[in-house]
Amino acid sequence: MGNLTNILYGVLMFVRWAGLIVITILSMGVLIGEAAKSRLSPAKILTVTGSAILAAVMFWILPTLVNYARTDSNIVVPDHPIGGYR
């Protein structure tokens, strides 16, 4: 089971970093696209930057929150039948 855990952890870290890279590329594309259309106001720059940071933070912590919810649900509804496997 330890090997599977290591593989899943590696996949999780890859997905997290790949997601952050994609979010960064998209936010830079939006900034460049807005700059090409018109002059950028400080409000637009702050809005796009803030949205990208919020998306990156949520993308980073979402798997952790799902894992906490999964382990907490095991307290309410055990993952073994009544009487156990003894």
Protein backbone atom coordinates (compact mmCIF):
# COMPACT_ATOMS: atom_id res chain seq x y z
CA MET A 1 0.00 0.00 0.00
CA GLY A 2 2.94 2.33 0.58
CA ASN A 3 3.95 2.22 -3.08
CA LEU A 4 0.44 3.15 -4.20
CA THR A 5 0.44 6.01 -1.71
CA ASN A 6 3.71 7.33 -3.13
CA ILE A 7 2.38 7.10 -6.69
CA LEU A 8 -0.85 8.93 -5.81
CA TYR A 9 1.08 11.59 -3.90
CA GLY A 10 3.35 12.11 -6.92
CA VAL A 11 0.32 12.44 -9.21
CA LEU A 12 -1.27 14.93 -6.78
CA MET A 13 1.85 17.08 -6.71
CA PHE A 14 2.12 16.98 -10.51
CA VAL A 15 -1.51 18.03 -10.92
CA ARG A 16 -1.08 20.84 -8.40
CA TRP A 17 2.01 22.28 -10.07
CA ALA A 18 0.63 21.80 -13.58
CA GLY A 19 -2.57 23.58 -12.51
CA LEU A 20 -0.62 26.49 -11.07
CA ILE A 21 1.39 26.79 -14.27
CA VAL A 22 -1.78 26.75 -16.39
CA ILE A 23 -3.45 29.36 -14.16
CA THR A 24 -0.35 31.57 -14.47
CA ILE A 25 -0.23 31.24 -18.25
CA LEU A 26 -3.95 32.00 -18.60
CA SER A 27 -3.80 35.03 -16.31
CA MET A 28 -0.81 36.41 -18.20
CA GLY A 29 -2.71 35.83 -21.46
CA VAL A 30 -5.67 37.78 -20.14
CA LEU A 31 -3.41 40.63 -19.05
CA ILE A 32 -1.66 40.73 -22.43
CA GLY A 33 -5.00 40.52 -24.25
CA GLU A 34 -6.43 43.39 -22.24
CA ALA A 35 -3.28 45.42 -22.82
CA ALA A 36 -3.54 44.84 -26.57
CA LYS A 37 -7.18 46.02 -26.65
CA SER A 38 -6.78 49.14 -24.58
CA ARG A 39 -4.73 50.76 -21.91
CA LEU A 40 -4.80 48.84 -18.68
CA SER A 41 -6.10 50.64 -15.67
CA PRO A 42 -4.67 49.74 -12.25
CA ALA A 43 -8.08 48.35 -11.27
CA LYS A 44 -8.07 45.84 -14.15
CA ILE A 45 -4.52 44.76 -13.36
CA LEU A 46 -5.38 44.24 -9.69
CA THR A 47 -8.60 42.41 -10.56
CA VAL A 48 -6.93 39.95 -12.93
CA THR A 49 -3.97 39.44 -10.59
CA GLY A 50 -6.22 38.94 -7.57
CA SER A 51 -8.40 36.47 -9.46
CA ALA A 52 -5.36 34.49 -10.56
CA ILE A 53 -3.97 34.38 -7.01
CA LEU A 54 -7.34 33.30 -5.59
CA ALA A 55 -7.68 30.59 -8.23
CA ALA A 56 -4.17 29.34 -7.52
CA VAL A 57 -4.75 29.23 -3.77
CA MET A 58 -8.05 27.39 -4.18
CA PHE A 59 -6.47 24.98 -6.67
CA TRP A 60 -3.68 24.27 -4.19
CA ILE A 61 -5.81 23.68 -1.07
CA LEU A 62 -8.82 21.91 -2.64
CA PRO A 63 -7.26 18.39 -2.60
CA THR A 64 -6.30 18.90 1.05
CA LEU A 65 -9.84 19.94 1.96
CA VAL A 66 -11.26 16.93 0.13
CA ASN A 67 -8.86 14.65 2.00
CA TYR A 68 -9.87 16.17 5.37
CA ALA A 69 -13.54 15.71 4.49
CA ARG A 70 -12.88 12.08 3.52
CA THR A 71 -11.11 11.28 6.79
CA ASP A 72 -13.73 13.13 8.85
CA SER A 73 -16.55 11.25 7.14
CA ASN A 74 -14.86 8.02 8.23
CA ILE A 75 -15.55 9.07 11.84
CA VAL A 76 -19.28 9.52 11.15
CA VAL A 77 -19.71 6.50 8.87
CA PRO A 78 -16.97 3.90 9.50
CA ASP A 79 -15.53 2.20 6.41
CA HIS A 80 -15.88 -1.26 7.95
CA PRO A 81 -19.06 -3.23 8.52
CA ILE A 82 -20.67 -3.58 11.93
CA GLY A 83 -18.83 -6.28 13.80
CA GLY A 84 -15.63 -5.76 11.81
CA TYR A 85 -13.53 -8.29 9.96
CA ARG A 86 -12.21 -10.13 13.03
